Amino acid sequence: MSNSTCNTNDEESDGCRDDSYALVLKMIAIAAILIASFCGVSIPLLGKNRRFLQTDSNLFVIVKAFAAGVILATGFVHILPDATSALTDSCLPSFPWLEFPFSGFIAMVAALATLLADSVGTWYYESKQIENFQPNSFEVESESEEERRLREHSHGHSHGIGSGDEEGGVRHIVVSQVLELGIVSHSVIIGLSLGVSQSPCTIKPLIGALSFHQFFEGFALGGCITQANFTTLKSTIMACFFAITTPVGIAIGIGVSSIYNANSPRALVIEGIFDSISAGILVYMALVDLIAADFLSKRMRCNVRLQVLSYFALFVGAVSMSSLAIWA
């Protein structure tokens, strides 16, 4: 690609550039994506008191499997190819970008880093729970021998009953926070890319595709937040932060569209690296914390009907999101 082409946007040379109409479509995109994001993340949060939408209901598990398929396809089919395209663009110098598959390598490192964060986060929250559960040393010393035996006996029983739930709660806390990090990191790039575009031909299909994508990513995130049993304030903050990220990215893109060049080497490298990191995080979260956690559970193994419906929903979600790559 020539230097002159690298210094200008591709849309300037196509026949579909229309700045005023593109701005109208961007406003529609902000509203549509904001509504879809809020609806997706709010359904599990507001529906936790409804029997059919509670996190232990079969319907919730099936819809969550569909959302996991959407997230998996987002990482593999949408984000990782975009990262590869950006980091192998002919506008970049051949060394080092064209000499090594950086997108796959960065995605792998991001997945391994997510595993590390997953483990460290789980250890941290478990340690906090253990510390909070320890009795005061003065109280222990003042107890009679009989009281101590009774306390230890009751503690043993309560720990045996609740330890699984506590461990599951810790995992959900970590999963919800890491999943939000992965979703937010690529949502900013997606919003920025749409915001700087001046081509209605590019923006139109993105509105529907991103609304669909944000709705089911929001549902998966909302389910994880609900299972983590956060306070209402923290749940609301996490939900709102997810919902506004892509619209804010679009707004930033609109603001810098006159000076932003998507084909500049700096923009390509930043976009490629962020997309690679996002792909690694989302693929890890989809496979390990969403799919494996549910599909390898005792509940799933003991319920053949739920297993079949969940697998069907998973494949439909993955295929549906993959098919959107035809248009966006």
C-alpha atoms as a PDB file:
ATOM      1  CA  MET A   1       0.000   0.000   0.000  1.00  0.00           C
ATOM      2  CA  SER A   2       1.381   3.424  -0.915  1.00  0.00           C
ATOM      3  CA  ASN A   3       2.218   6.060   1.692  1.00  0.00           C
ATOM      4  CA  SER A   4      -0.502   8.338   0.333  1.00  0.00           C
ATOM      5  CA  THR A   5      -3.093   5.628   0.916  1.00  0.00           C
ATOM      6  CA  CYS A   6      -1.774   5.020   4.438  1.00  0.00           C
ATOM      7  CA  ASN A   7      -2.176   8.704   5.233  1.00  0.00           C
ATOM      8  CA  THR A   8      -5.859   8.791   4.274  1.00  0.00           C
ATOM      9  CA  ASN A   9      -8.956   6.810   5.223  1.00  0.00           C
ATOM     10  CA  ASP A  10     -10.258   4.246   2.738  1.00  0.00           C
ATOM     11  CA  GLU A  11     -13.714   5.810   2.940  1.00  0.00           C
ATOM     12  CA  GLU A  12     -12.472   8.951   1.199  1.00  0.00           C
ATOM     13  CA  SER A  13     -11.991   6.971  -1.990  1.00  0.00           C
ATOM     14  CA  ASP A  14     -15.199   4.917  -1.931  1.00  0.00           C
ATOM     15  CA  GLY A  15     -18.588   6.054  -3.177  1.00  0.00           C
ATOM     16  CA  CYS A  16     -20.433   5.713   0.131  1.00  0.00           C
ATOM     17  CA  ARG A  17     -19.063   8.637   2.125  1.00  0.00           C
ATOM     18  CA  ASP A  18     -21.753  10.930   3.511  1.00  0.00           C
ATOM     19  CA  ASP A  19     -20.722  12.832   6.638  1.00  0.00           C
ATOM     20  CA  SER A  20     -24.143  14.227   7.623  1.00  0.00           C
ATOM     21  CA  TYR A  21     -26.021  10.944   7.123  1.00  0.00           C
ATOM     22  CA  ALA A  22     -23.216   9.054   8.889  1.00  0.00           C
ATOM     23  CA  LEU A  23     -23.604  11.356  11.912  1.00  0.00           C
ATOM     24  CA  VAL A  24     -27.347  10.607  12.074  1.00  0.00           C
ATOM     25  CA  LEU A  25     -26.609   6.877  11.951  1.00  0.00           C
ATOM     26  CA  LYS A  26     -24.035   7.251  14.730  1.00  0.00           C
ATOM     27  CA  MET A  27     -26.646   8.913  16.962  1.00  0.00           C
ATOM     28  CA  ILE A  28     -29.010   6.016  16.225  1.00  0.00           C
ATOM     29  CA  ALA A  29     -26.189   3.570  16.976  1.00  0.00           C
ATOM     30  CA  ILE A  30     -25.489   5.196  20.357  1.00  0.00           C
ATOM     31  CA  ALA A  31     -29.168   4.934  21.350  1.00  0.00           C
ATOM     32  CA  ALA A  32     -29.667   1.390  20.014  1.00  0.00           C
ATOM     33  CA  ILE A  33     -26.483  -0.033  21.547  1.00  0.00           C
ATOM     34  CA  LEU A  34     -27.102   1.730  24.871  1.00  0.00           C
ATOM     35  CA  ILE A  35     -30.627   0.283  25.093  1.00  0.00           C
ATOM     36  CA  ALA A  36     -29.498  -3.208  24.024  1.00  0.00           C
ATOM     37  CA  SER A  37     -26.638  -3.167  26.544  1.00  0.00           C
ATOM     38  CA  PHE A  38     -28.837  -2.005  29.410  1.00  0.00           C
ATOM     39  CA  CYS A  39     -31.536  -4.556  28.585  1.00  0.00           C
ATOM     40  CA  GLY A  40     -29.055  -7.418  28.321  1.00  0.00           C
ATOM     41  CA  VAL A  41     -27.216  -6.722  31.569  1.00  0.00           C
ATOM     42  CA  SER A  42     -30.388  -5.768  33.484  1.00  0.00           C
ATOM     43  CA  ILE A  43     -32.485  -8.874  32.781  1.00  0.00           C
ATOM     44  CA  PRO A  44     -30.494 -11.170  35.128  1.00  0.00           C
ATOM     45  CA  LEU A  45     -30.136  -8.411  37.745  1.00  0.00           C
ATOM     46  CA  LEU A  46     -33.819  -7.444  37.821  1.00  0.00           C
ATOM     47  CA  GLY A  47     -35.080 -10.975  37.227  1.00  0.00           C
ATOM     48  CA  LYS A  48     -33.238 -12.663  40.099  1.00  0.00           C
ATOM     49  CA  ASN A  49     -36.453 -12.607  42.145  1.00  0.00           C
ATOM     50  CA  ARG A  50     -38.432 -14.212  39.316  1.00  0.00           C
ATOM     51  CA  ARG A  51     -38.361 -17.988  39.433  1.00  0.00           C
ATOM     52  CA  PHE A  52     -37.776 -18.541  35.693  1.00  0.00           C
ATOM     53  CA  LEU A  53     -34.927 -15.970  35.589  1.00  0.00           C
ATOM     54  CA  GLN A  54     -33.127 -16.955  38.786  1.00  0.00           C
ATOM     55  CA  THR A  55     -29.538 -18.076  38.284  1.00  0.00           C
ATOM     56  CA  ASP A  56     -30.375 -21.646  39.280  1.00  0.00           C
ATOM     57  CA  SER A  57     -33.238 -21.994  36.778  1.00  0.00           C
ATOM     58  CA  ASN A  58     -32.879 -24.117  33.647  1.00  0.00           C
ATOM     59  CA  LEU A  59     -33.907 -21.201  31.412  1.00  0.00           C
ATOM     60  CA  PHE A  60     -31.102 -19.044  32.790  1.00  0.00           C
ATOM     61  CA  VAL A  61     -28.529 -21.798  32.184  1.00  0.00           C
ATOM     62  CA  ILE A  62     -29.723 -22.257  28.581  1.00  0.00           C
ATOM     63  CA  VAL A  63     -29.680 -18.531  27.742  1.00  0.00           C
ATOM     64  CA  LYS A  64     -26.287 -18.200  29.430  1.00  0.00           C
ATOM     65  CA  ALA A  65     -25.010 -21.023  27.178  1.00  0.00           C
ATOM     66  CA  PHE A  66     -26.255 -19.082  24.136  1.00  0.00           C
ATOM     67  CA  ALA A  67     -24.467 -15.966  25.428  1.00  0.00           C
ATOM     68  CA  ALA A  68     -21.280 -17.984  25.973  1.00  0.00           C
ATOM     69  CA  GLY A  69     -21.428 -19.062  22.317  1.00  0.00           C
ATOM     70  CA  VAL A  70     -21.806 -15.418  21.287  1.00  0.00           C
ATOM     71  CA  ILE A  71     -18.768 -14.401  23.361  1.00  0.00           C
ATOM     72  CA  LEU A  72     -16.672 -17.298  22.025  1.00  0.00           C
ATOM     73  CA  ALA A  73     -17.503 -16.389  18.418  1.00  0.00           C
ATOM     74  CA  THR A  74     -16.808 -12.728  19.160  1.00  0.00           C
ATOM     75  CA  GLY A  75     -13.287 -13.600  20.249  1.00  0.00           C
ATOM     76  CA  PHE A  76     -12.455 -16.119  17.526  1.00  0.00           C
ATOM     77  CA  VAL A  77     -14.383 -14.854  14.482  1.00  0.00           C
ATOM     78  CA  HIS A  78     -14.612 -11.094  14.968  1.00  0.00           C
ATOM     79  CA  ILE A  79     -11.898  -9.693  17.218  1.00  0.00           C
ATOM     80  CA  LEU A  80      -8.889 -11.940  16.549  1.00  0.00           C
ATOM     81  CA  PRO A  81      -9.144 -11.650  12.719  1.00  0.00           C
ATOM     82  CA  ASP A  82      -9.473  -7.866  13.081  1.00  0.00           C
ATOM     83  CA  ALA A  83      -6.354  -7.839  15.248  1.00  0.00           C
ATOM     84  CA  THR A  84      -4.464  -9.929  12.698  1.00  0.00           C
ATOM     85  CA  SER A  85      -5.579  -7.641   9.885  1.00  0.00           C
ATOM     86  CA  ALA A  86      -4.442  -4.529  11.779  1.00  0.00           C
ATOM     87  CA  LEU A  87      -1.048  -5.940  12.807  1.00  0.00           C
ATOM     88  CA  THR A  88      -0.254  -7.289   9.325  1.00  0.00           C
ATOM     89  CA  ASP A  89      -1.413  -4.213   7.415  1.00  0.00           C
ATOM     90  CA  SER A  90       0.907  -3.120   4.631  1.00  0.00           C
ATOM     91  CA  CYS A  91       1.013   0.376   6.148  1.00  0.00           C
ATOM     92  CA  LEU A  92       3.129  -1.034   8.986  1.00  0.00           C
ATOM     93  CA  PRO A  93       6.889  -1.542   8.605  1.00  0.00           C
ATOM     94  CA  SER A  94       7.710  -5.123   7.652  1.00  0.00           C
ATOM     95  CA  PHE A  95       9.974  -5.451  10.700  1.00  0.00           C
ATOM     96  CA  PRO A  96       8.855  -6.496  13.221  1.00  0.00           C
ATOM     97  CA  TRP A  97       5.126  -6.578  12.448  1.00  0.00           C
ATOM     98  CA  LEU A  98       5.177  -8.757   9.335  1.00  0.00           C
ATOM     99  CA  GLU A  99       7.900 -11.096  10.631  1.00  0.00           C
ATOM    100  CA  PHE A 100       5.970 -12.625  13.546  1.00  0.00           C
ATOM    101  CA  PRO A 101       2.290 -13.532  14.249  1.00  0.00           C
ATOM    102  CA  PHE A 102       1.865 -10.918  16.975  1.00  0.00           C
ATOM    103  CA  SER A 103      -1.939 -11.103  17.166  1.00  0.00           C
ATOM    104  CA  GLY A 104      -2.006 -14.788  18.087  1.00  0.00           C
ATOM    105  CA  PHE A 105       0.946 -14.420  20.449  1.00  0.00           C
ATOM    106  CA  ILE A 106      -0.581 -11.449  22.284  1.00  0.00           C
ATOM    107  CA  ALA A 107      -3.931 -13.262  22.526  1.00  0.00           C
ATOM    108  CA  MET A 108      -2.169 -16.303  24.019  1.00  0.00           C
ATOM    109  CA  VAL A 109      -0.306 -14.153  26.556  1.00  0.00           C
ATOM    110  CA  ALA A 110      -3.574 -12.387  27.451  1.00  0.00           C
ATOM    111  CA  ALA A 111      -5.309 -15.746  28.001  1.00  0.00           C
ATOM    112  CA  LEU A 112      -2.474 -16.941  30.255  1.00  0.00           C
ATOM    113  CA  ALA A 113      -2.498 -13.623  32.120  1.00  0.00           C
ATOM    114  CA  THR A 114      -6.253 -14.037  32.608  1.00  0.00           C
ATOM    115  CA  LEU A 115      -5.641 -17.495  34.071  1.00  0.00           C
ATOM    116  CA  LEU A 116      -3.123 -15.954  36.471  1.00  0.00           C
ATOM    117  CA  ALA A 117      -5.510 -13.138  37.412  1.00  0.00           C
ATOM    118  CA  ASP A 118      -8.266 -15.725  37.864  1.00  0.00           C
ATOM    119  CA  SER A 119      -6.125 -17.752  40.266  1.00  0.00           C
ATOM    120  CA  VAL A 120      -4.706 -14.790  42.191  1.00  0.00           C
ATOM    121  CA  GLY A 121      -8.127 -13.141  42.463  1.00  0.00           C
ATOM    122  CA  THR A 122      -9.711 -16.340  43.771  1.00  0.00           C
ATOM    123  CA  TRP A 123      -6.896 -16.780  46.311  1.00  0.00           C
ATOM    124  CA  TYR A 124      -7.231 -13.151  47.437  1.00  0.00           C
ATOM    125  CA  TYR A 125     -10.989 -13.298  48.034  1.00  0.00           C
ATOM    126  CA  GLU A 126     -10.753 -16.700  49.733  1.00  0.00           C
ATOM    127  CA  SER A 127      -8.043 -15.323  52.047  1.00  0.00           C
ATOM    128  CA  LYS A 128     -10.259 -12.359  52.922  1.00  0.00           C
ATOM    129  CA  GLN A 129     -13.143 -14.695  53.751  1.00  0.00           C
ATOM    130  CA  ILE A 130     -10.925 -16.822  55.992  1.00  0.00           C
ATOM    131  CA  GLU A 131      -9.598 -13.724  57.799  1.00  0.00           C
ATOM    132  CA  ASN A 132     -13.109 -12.386  58.356  1.00  0.00           C
ATOM    133  CA  PHE A 133     -14.214 -15.737  59.738  1.00  0.00           C
ATOM    134  CA  GLN A 134     -11.388 -16.026  62.309  1.00  0.00           C
ATOM    135  CA  PRO A 135     -12.678 -15.439  65.885  1.00  0.00           C
ATOM    136  CA  ASN A 136     -11.140 -12.740  68.073  1.00  0.00           C
ATOM    137  CA  SER A 137      -8.117 -14.087  69.997  1.00  0.00           C
ATOM    138  CA  PHE A 138      -9.239 -12.556  73.327  1.00  0.00           C
ATOM    139  CA  GLU A 139     -12.641 -14.190  73.012  1.00  0.00           C
ATOM    140  CA  VAL A 140     -11.044 -17.542  72.270  1.00  0.00           C
ATOM    141  CA  GLU A 141      -8.839 -17.318  75.372  1.00  0.00           C
ATOM    142  CA  SER A 142     -11.802 -16.481  77.605  1.00  0.00           C
ATOM    143  CA  GLU A 143     -13.901 -19.401  76.430  1.00  0.00           C
ATOM    144  CA  SER A 144     -14.293 -22.442  78.609  1.00  0.00           C
ATOM    145  CA  GLU A 145     -13.101 -25.782  77.249  1.00  0.00           C
ATOM    146  CA  GLU A 146     -16.677 -26.953  76.749  1.00  0.00           C
ATOM    147  CA  GLU A 147     -17.659 -23.772  74.878  1.00  0.00           C
ATOM    148  CA  ARG A 148     -14.605 -24.133  72.639  1.00  0.00           C
ATOM    149  CA  ARG A 149     -15.516 -27.731  71.773  1.00  0.00           C
ATOM    150  CA  LEU A 150     -19.092 -26.734  70.992  1.00  0.00           C
ATOM    151  CA  ARG A 151     -17.950 -23.812  68.801  1.00  0.00           C
ATOM    152  CA  GLU A 152     -15.456 -25.933  66.874  1.00  0.00           C
ATOM    153  CA  HIS A 153     -18.036 -28.686  66.408  1.00  0.00           C
ATOM    154  CA  SER A 154     -20.657 -26.271  65.056  1.00  0.00           C
ATOM    155  CA  HIS A 155     -18.032 -24.532  62.886  1.00  0.00           C
ATOM    156  CA  GLY A 156     -17.081 -27.854  61.359  1.00  0.00           C
ATOM    157  CA  HIS A 157     -20.671 -28.600  60.429  1.00  0.00           C
ATOM    158  CA  SER A 158     -21.374 -25.132  59.049  1.00  0.00           C
ATOM    159  CA  HIS A 159     -18.151 -25.145  57.042  1.00  0.00           C
ATOM    160  CA  GLY A 160     -18.976 -28.501  55.547  1.00  0.00           C
ATOM    161  CA  ILE A 161     -22.375 -27.295  54.462  1.00  0.00           C
ATOM    162  CA  GLY A 162     -21.423 -23.836  53.201  1.00  0.00           C
ATOM    163  CA  SER A 163     -17.890 -24.189  51.883  1.00  0.00           C
ATOM    164  CA  GLY A 164     -19.011 -25.104  48.396  1.00  0.00           C
ATOM    165  CA  ASP A 165     -21.315 -22.099  48.194  1.00  0.00           C
ATOM    166  CA  GLU A 166     -18.583 -19.796  49.544  1.00  0.00           C
ATOM    167  CA  GLU A 167     -16.062 -21.103  47.023  1.00  0.00           C
ATOM    168  CA  GLY A 168     -18.604 -20.702  44.218  1.00  0.00           C
ATOM    169  CA  GLY A 169     -19.337 -17.155  45.378  1.00  0.00           C
ATOM    170  CA  VAL A 170     -15.649 -16.279  45.270  1.00  0.00           C
ATOM    171  CA  ARG A 171     -15.327 -17.688  41.752  1.00  0.00           C
ATOM    172  CA  HIS A 172     -18.325 -15.664  40.562  1.00  0.00           C
ATOM    173  CA  ILE A 173     -16.821 -12.468  42.013  1.00  0.00           C
ATOM    174  CA  VAL A 174     -13.563 -13.007  40.122  1.00  0.00           C
ATOM    175  CA  VAL A 175     -15.265 -14.167  36.908  1.00  0.00           C
ATOM    176  CA  SER A 176     -17.602 -11.160  36.760  1.00  0.00           C
ATOM    177  CA  GLN A 177     -14.758  -8.667  37.199  1.00  0.00           C
ATOM    178  CA  VAL A 178     -12.387 -10.307  34.695  1.00  0.00           C
ATOM    179  CA  LEU A 179     -15.206 -10.768  32.162  1.00  0.00           C
ATOM    180  CA  GLU A 180     -16.133  -7.094  32.431  1.00  0.00           C
ATOM    181  CA  LEU A 181     -12.487  -6.143  31.857  1.00  0.00           C
ATOM    182  CA  GLY A 182     -12.361  -8.231  28.669  1.00  0.00           C
ATOM    183  CA  ILE A 183     -15.657  -6.901  27.349  1.00  0.00           C
ATOM    184  CA  VAL A 184     -14.900  -3.259  28.131  1.00  0.00           C
ATOM    185  CA  SER A 185     -11.430  -3.361  26.556  1.00  0.00           C
ATOM    186  CA  HIS A 186     -12.766  -4.319  23.129  1.00  0.00           C
ATOM    187  CA  SER A 187     -15.995  -2.309  23.416  1.00  0.00           C
ATOM    188  CA  VAL A 188     -13.976   0.916  23.445  1.00  0.00           C
ATOM    189  CA  ILE A 189     -12.183  -0.065  20.224  1.00  0.00           C
ATOM    190  CA  ILE A 190     -15.453  -1.127  18.572  1.00  0.00           C
ATOM    191  CA  GLY A 191     -17.120   2.156  19.510  1.00  0.00           C
ATOM    192  CA  LEU A 192     -14.144   4.216  18.373  1.00  0.00           C
ATOM    193  CA  SER A 193     -14.040   2.434  15.006  1.00  0.00           C
ATOM    194  CA  LEU A 194     -17.729   3.088  14.414  1.00  0.00           C
ATOM    195  CA  GLY A 195     -17.457   6.690  15.605  1.00  0.00           C
ATOM    196  CA  VAL A 196     -14.682   7.665  13.172  1.00  0.00           C
ATOM    197  CA  SER A 197     -16.372   6.041  10.178  1.00  0.00           C
ATOM    198  CA  GLN A 198     -18.014   8.411   7.686  1.00  0.00           C
ATOM    199  CA  SER A 199     -19.494   5.638   5.537  1.00  0.00           C
ATOM    200  CA  PRO A 200     -23.207   4.805   5.999  1.00  0.00           C
ATOM    201  CA  CYS A 201     -22.509   1.536   4.168  1.00  0.00           C
ATOM    202  CA  THR A 202     -20.179   0.568   7.030  1.00  0.00           C
ATOM    203  CA  ILE A 203     -22.269   1.923   9.903  1.00  0.00           C
ATOM    204  CA  LYS A 204     -25.689   0.478   8.968  1.00  0.00           C
ATOM    205  CA  PRO A 205     -24.843  -3.229   9.402  1.00  0.00           C
ATOM    206  CA  LEU A 206     -22.784  -2.457  12.510  1.00  0.00           C
ATOM    207  CA  ILE A 207     -25.811  -1.046  14.356  1.00  0.00           C
ATOM    208  CA  GLY A 208     -27.725  -4.341  14.297  1.00  0.00           C
ATOM    209  CA  ALA A 209     -24.654  -6.520  14.760  1.00  0.00           C
ATOM    210  CA  LEU A 210     -23.328  -4.565  17.746  1.00  0.00           C
ATOM    211  CA  SER A 211     -26.766  -4.342  19.387  1.00  0.00           C
ATOM    212  CA  PHE A 212     -27.123  -8.143  19.166  1.00  0.00           C
ATOM    213  CA  HIS A 213     -23.568  -8.617  20.389  1.00  0.00           C
ATOM    214  CA  GLN A 214     -23.894  -6.199  23.318  1.00  0.00           C
ATOM    215  CA  PHE A 215     -27.239  -7.638  24.440  1.00  0.00           C
ATOM    216  CA  PHE A 216     -25.962 -11.179  24.907  1.00  0.00           C
ATOM    217  CA  GLU A 217     -22.584 -10.128  26.276  1.00  0.00           C
ATOM    218  CA  GLY A 218     -24.547  -8.043  28.758  1.00  0.00           C
ATOM    219  CA  PHE A 219     -26.735 -11.009  29.668  1.00  0.00           C
ATOM    220  CA  ALA A 220     -23.691 -13.183  30.390  1.00  0.00           C
ATOM    221  CA  LEU A 221     -22.084 -10.406  32.438  1.00  0.00           C
ATOM    222  CA  GLY A 222     -25.326  -9.669  34.294  1.00  0.00           C
ATOM    223  CA  GLY A 223     -25.655 -13.344  35.171  1.00  0.00           C
ATOM    224  CA  CYS A 224     -22.126 -13.427  36.584  1.00  0.00           C
ATOM    225  CA  ILE A 225     -22.753 -10.239  38.577  1.00  0.00           C
ATOM    226  CA  THR A 226     -25.966 -11.722  39.988  1.00  0.00           C
ATOM    227  CA  GLN A 227     -24.225 -14.960  40.968  1.00  0.00           C
ATOM    228  CA  ALA A 228     -21.459 -12.967  42.690  1.00  0.00           C
ATOM    229  CA  ASN A 229     -24.045 -11.435  45.083  1.00  0.00           C
ATOM    230  CA  PHE A 230     -22.569  -7.941  44.944  1.00  0.00           C
ATOM    231  CA  THR A 231     -24.303  -5.082  46.720  1.00  0.00           C
ATOM    232  CA  THR A 232     -26.984  -3.276  44.733  1.00  0.00           C
ATOM    233  CA  LEU A 233     -24.724  -0.231  44.352  1.00  0.00           C
ATOM    234  CA  LYS A 234     -21.759  -2.209  43.024  1.00  0.00           C
ATOM    235  CA  SER A 235     -23.972  -4.260  40.685  1.00  0.00           C
ATOM    236  CA  THR A 236     -25.503  -1.055  39.315  1.00  0.00           C
ATOM    237  CA  ILE A 237     -22.088   0.556  38.790  1.00  0.00           C
ATOM    238  CA  MET A 238     -20.750  -2.507  36.949  1.00  0.00           C
ATOM    239  CA  ALA A 239     -23.883  -2.738  34.786  1.00  0.00           C
ATOM    240  CA  CYS A 240     -23.825   0.968  33.895  1.00  0.00           C
ATOM    241  CA  PHE A 241     -20.092   0.912  33.174  1.00  0.00           C
ATOM    242  CA  PHE A 242     -20.609  -1.949  30.719  1.00  0.00           C
ATOM    243  CA  ALA A 243     -23.631  -0.331  29.070  1.00  0.00           C
ATOM    244  CA  ILE A 244     -22.035   3.066  28.409  1.00  0.00           C
ATOM    245  CA  THR A 245     -18.606   1.874  27.219  1.00  0.00           C
ATOM    246  CA  THR A 246     -19.412   1.346  23.530  1.00  0.00           C
ATOM    247  CA  PRO A 247     -21.582   4.513  23.246  1.00  0.00           C
ATOM    248  CA  VAL A 248     -18.786   6.513  24.896  1.00  0.00           C
ATOM    249  CA  GLY A 249     -16.334   5.002  22.410  1.00  0.00           C
ATOM    250  CA  ILE A 250     -18.626   6.084  19.558  1.00  0.00           C
ATOM    251  CA  ALA A 251     -18.858   9.606  20.996  1.00  0.00           C
ATOM    252  CA  ILE A 252     -15.062   9.826  21.256  1.00  0.00           C
ATOM    253  CA  GLY A 253     -14.795   8.588  17.673  1.00  0.00           C
ATOM    254  CA  ILE A 254     -17.192  11.303  16.507  1.00  0.00           C
ATOM    255  CA  GLY A 255     -15.103  13.911  18.303  1.00  0.00           C
ATOM    256  CA  VAL A 256     -11.787  12.848  16.762  1.00  0.00           C
ATOM    257  CA  SER A 257     -13.084  11.746  13.346  1.00  0.00           C
ATOM    258  CA  SER A 258     -11.680  14.838  11.628  1.00  0.00           C
ATOM    259  CA  ILE A 259      -8.112  14.148  12.799  1.00  0.00           C
ATOM    260  CA  TYR A 260      -8.129  10.372  13.290  1.00  0.00           C
ATOM    261  CA  ASN A 261      -6.645   8.214  10.541  1.00  0.00           C
ATOM    262  CA  ALA A 262      -7.463   4.538  10.955  1.00  0.00           C
ATOM    263  CA  ASN A 263      -4.678   3.620   8.501  1.00  0.00           C
ATOM    264  CA  SER A 264      -1.868   5.346  10.394  1.00  0.00           C
ATOM    265  CA  PRO A 265       0.746   2.932  11.813  1.00  0.00           C
ATOM    266  CA  ARG A 266       0.131   4.117  15.371  1.00  0.00           C
ATOM    267  CA  ALA A 267      -3.643   3.581  15.121  1.00  0.00           C
ATOM    268  CA  LEU A 268      -3.183   0.146  13.540  1.00  0.00           C
ATOM    269  CA  VAL A 269      -0.755  -1.018  16.239  1.00  0.00           C
ATOM    270  CA  ILE A 270      -2.928   0.250  19.108  1.00  0.00           C
ATOM    271  CA  GLU A 271      -6.068  -1.287  17.617  1.00  0.00           C
ATOM    272  CA  GLY A 272      -4.317  -4.582  16.870  1.00  0.00           C
ATOM    273  CA  ILE A 273      -2.817  -4.925  20.350  1.00  0.00           C
ATOM    274  CA  PHE A 274      -6.062  -4.055  22.150  1.00  0.00           C
ATOM    275  CA  ASP A 275      -8.065  -6.418  19.945  1.00  0.00           C
ATOM    276  CA  SER A 276      -5.554  -9.228  20.522  1.00  0.00           C
ATOM    277  CA  ILE A 277      -5.721  -8.766  24.292  1.00  0.00           C
ATOM    278  CA  SER A 278      -9.522  -8.665  24.204  1.00  0.00           C
ATOM    279  CA  ALA A 279      -9.681 -11.815  22.062  1.00  0.00           C
ATOM    280  CA  GLY A 280      -7.453 -13.732  24.475  1.00  0.00           C
ATOM    281  CA  ILE A 281      -9.484 -12.672  27.510  1.00  0.00           C
ATOM    282  CA  LEU A 282     -12.862 -13.414  25.913  1.00  0.00           C
ATOM    283  CA  VAL A 283     -11.851 -16.814  24.523  1.00  0.00           C
ATOM    284  CA  TYR A 284     -10.477 -17.843  27.928  1.00  0.00           C
ATOM    285  CA  MET A 285     -13.547 -16.581  29.789  1.00  0.00           C
ATOM    286  CA  ALA A 286     -15.963 -18.234  27.353  1.00  0.00           C
ATOM    287  CA  LEU A 287     -14.246 -21.630  27.373  1.00  0.00           C
ATOM    288  CA  VAL A 288     -13.162 -21.859  31.022  1.00  0.00           C
ATOM    289  CA  ASP A 289     -15.422 -19.718  33.194  1.00  0.00           C
ATOM    290  CA  LEU A 290     -18.680 -19.887  31.227  1.00  0.00           C
ATOM    291  CA  ILE A 291     -18.754 -23.090  29.157  1.00  0.00           C
ATOM    292  CA  ALA A 292     -16.584 -25.505  31.172  1.00  0.00           C
ATOM    293  CA  ALA A 293     -17.911 -24.278  34.531  1.00  0.00           C
ATOM    294  CA  ASP A 294     -21.515 -25.028  33.534  1.00  0.00           C
ATOM    295  CA  PHE A 295     -21.185 -27.916  31.088  1.00  0.00           C
ATOM    296  CA  LEU A 296     -18.887 -29.986  33.331  1.00  0.00           C
ATOM    297  CA  SER A 297     -20.961 -29.389  36.462  1.00  0.00           C
ATOM    298  CA  LYS A 298     -22.738 -32.212  38.270  1.00  0.00           C
ATOM    299  CA  ARG A 299     -26.084 -30.538  37.642  1.00  0.00           C
ATOM    300  CA  MET A 300     -25.559 -30.604  33.880  1.00  0.00           C
ATOM    301  CA  ARG A 301     -24.320 -34.199  33.855  1.00  0.00           C
ATOM    302  CA  CYS A 302     -27.360 -35.377  35.813  1.00  0.00           C
ATOM    303  CA  ASN A 303     -29.913 -33.639  33.582  1.00  0.00           C
ATOM    304  CA  VAL A 304     -29.787 -34.943  30.007  1.00  0.00           C
ATOM    305  CA  ARG A 305     -32.549 -32.641  28.770  1.00  0.00           C
ATOM    306  CA  LEU A 306     -30.807 -29.555  30.153  1.00  0.00           C
ATOM    307  CA  GLN A 307     -27.519 -30.772  28.682  1.00  0.00           C
ATOM    308  CA  VAL A 308     -28.972 -31.204  25.185  1.00  0.00           C
ATOM    309  CA  LEU A 309     -30.750 -27.834  25.237  1.00  0.00           C
ATOM    310  CA  SER A 310     -27.647 -26.068  26.557  1.00  0.00           C
ATOM    311  CA  TYR A 311     -25.405 -27.568  23.867  1.00  0.00           C
ATOM    312  CA  PHE A 312     -27.949 -26.580  21.230  1.00  0.00           C
ATOM    313  CA  ALA A 313     -28.100 -23.019  22.601  1.00  0.00           C
ATOM    314  CA  LEU A 314     -24.292 -22.842  22.727  1.00  0.00           C
ATOM    315  CA  PHE A 315     -23.909 -23.865  19.079  1.00  0.00           C
ATOM    316  CA  VAL A 316     -26.740 -21.594  17.911  1.00  0.00           C
ATOM    317  CA  GLY A 317     -25.173 -18.649  19.750  1.00  0.00           C
ATOM    318  CA  ALA A 318     -21.748 -19.310  18.239  1.00  0.00           C
ATOM    319  CA  VAL A 319     -23.118 -19.784  14.715  1.00  0.00           C
ATOM    320  CA  SER A 320     -25.397 -16.730  14.962  1.00  0.00           C
ATOM    321  CA  MET A 321     -22.580 -14.444  16.050  1.00  0.00           C
ATOM    322  CA  SER A 322     -20.208 -15.941  13.482  1.00  0.00           C
ATOM    323  CA  SER A 323     -22.701 -15.349  10.672  1.00  0.00           C
ATOM    324  CA  LEU A 324     -22.773 -11.631  11.493  1.00  0.00           C
ATOM    325  CA  ALA A 325     -19.182 -11.457  10.231  1.00  0.00           C
ATOM    326  CA  ILE A 326     -20.681 -11.572   6.722  1.00  0.00           C
ATOM    327  CA  TRP A 327     -22.119  -8.083   7.205  1.00  0.00           C
ATOM    328  CA  ALA A 328     -20.004  -6.552   9.981  1.00  0.00           C
END
